[in-house]
Amino acid sequence: MGKTCISLGEVADIAKAESYKTRFLEAIKVGKDIELDASNTTRIDTAIVQAILALFLSAQQKQIDVSWKAASETVKRVIYLLGLGKHLALQDG
């Protein structure tokens, strides 16, 4: 069984929050493991980080694994500053 890959794109901000929420919910419904790709993301705000956290929590309840294909330094920095690296399965480094 393959993974559902979700790309965050270059800018992941509140203007796109509803779109990401919809994509995340659809991915949960599919039931496959989910892989996030934030390799090209140059801007991310807390609304999207909150949506990602909700994705991780919902997936965990359904026994769906969520992982990162890649995360840009910007994404990592924001997530670490918010103290969510461990909760969002991002390793230091």
Protein backbone atom coordinates (compact mmCIF):
# COMPACT_ATOMS: atom_id res chain seq x y z
CA MET A 1 0.00 0.00 0.00
CA GLY A 2 1.49 3.35 -1.07
CA LYS A 3 1.53 6.65 0.73
CA THR A 4 -0.52 9.76 0.15
CA CYS A 5 1.95 12.58 -0.54
CA ILE A 6 0.96 16.15 0.26
CA SER A 7 3.16 19.02 -0.88
CA LEU A 8 2.96 22.23 1.10
CA GLY A 9 4.19 24.37 -1.77
CA GLU A 10 6.36 27.46 -1.56
CA VAL A 11 4.07 29.54 0.66
CA ALA A 12 1.95 27.85 3.34
CA ASP A 13 0.02 30.61 5.04
CA ILE A 14 -3.38 31.33 6.52
CA ALA A 15 -4.80 32.17 3.09
CA LYS A 16 -4.34 28.49 2.20
CA ALA A 17 -5.32 27.02 5.58
CA GLU A 18 -8.78 25.85 4.50
CA SER A 19 -7.34 24.18 1.40
CA TYR A 20 -4.74 22.31 3.49
CA LYS A 21 -7.37 21.31 6.04
CA THR A 22 -9.48 19.81 3.24
CA ARG A 23 -6.49 17.99 1.74
CA PHE A 24 -5.49 16.64 5.16
CA LEU A 25 -9.02 15.39 5.90
CA GLU A 26 -9.23 13.73 2.50
CA ALA A 27 -5.89 12.01 3.10
CA ILE A 28 -7.14 10.67 6.44
CA LYS A 29 -10.26 9.29 4.71
CA VAL A 30 -8.13 7.44 2.16
CA GLY A 31 -6.50 5.60 5.05
CA LYS A 32 -3.00 5.30 3.61
CA ASP A 33 0.11 6.54 5.38
CA ILE A 34 0.77 10.20 4.69
CA GLU A 35 4.01 11.85 3.60
CA LEU A 36 4.44 15.63 3.79
CA ASP A 37 6.77 17.42 1.41
CA ALA A 38 7.83 20.87 2.56
CA SER A 39 11.17 20.85 0.76
CA ASN A 40 10.36 24.00 -1.23
CA THR A 41 8.42 25.84 1.48
CA THR A 42 9.94 29.26 2.10
CA ARG A 43 7.15 30.61 4.30
CA ILE A 44 4.86 28.87 6.77
CA ASP A 45 2.70 30.39 9.46
CA THR A 46 1.20 29.06 12.66
CA ALA A 47 -2.22 28.40 11.09
CA ILE A 48 -0.64 25.77 8.85
CA VAL A 49 1.47 24.34 11.68
CA GLN A 50 -1.74 24.01 13.70
CA ALA A 51 -3.39 22.18 10.77
CA ILE A 52 -0.38 19.86 10.50
CA LEU A 53 -0.57 19.12 14.22
CA ALA A 54 -4.28 18.30 13.84
CA LEU A 55 -3.36 16.02 10.92
CA PHE A 56 -0.81 14.16 13.06
CA LEU A 57 -3.29 13.75 15.93
CA SER A 58 -6.16 12.60 13.68
CA ALA A 59 -3.91 10.19 11.82
CA GLN A 60 -2.61 8.74 15.08
CA GLN A 61 -6.18 8.00 16.18
CA LYS A 62 -6.76 6.12 12.90
CA GLN A 63 -3.37 4.35 13.11
CA ILE A 64 -2.10 6.16 10.02
CA ASP A 65 1.58 7.07 9.94
CA VAL A 66 2.51 10.64 8.99
CA SER A 67 6.10 11.36 7.99
CA TRP A 68 8.12 14.04 6.26
CA LYS A 69 9.53 13.40 2.81
CA ALA A 70 11.47 16.61 3.36
CA ALA A 71 11.18 19.85 5.29
CA SER A 72 12.97 23.07 4.44
CA GLU A 73 15.07 24.83 7.05
CA THR A 74 12.34 27.48 7.30
CA VAL A 75 9.70 24.89 8.17
CA LYS A 76 11.98 23.20 10.68
CA ARG A 77 12.86 26.51 12.32
CA VAL A 78 9.20 27.54 12.75
CA ILE A 79 8.20 24.13 14.11
CA TYR A 80 11.13 24.07 16.56
CA LEU A 81 10.44 27.65 17.70
CA LEU A 82 6.89 26.58 18.51
CA GLY A 83 8.25 23.61 20.47
CA LEU A 84 6.51 21.06 18.25
CA GLY A 85 9.44 19.20 16.67
CA LYS A 86 8.82 16.07 18.71
CA HIS A 87 5.05 16.16 18.19
CA LEU A 88 5.44 16.60 14.43
CA ALA A 89 8.10 13.91 14.03
CA LEU A 90 10.89 16.26 12.98
CA GLN A 91 14.37 15.41 14.14
CA ASP A 92 16.86 18.06 15.19
CA GLY A 93 19.64 18.63 12.76
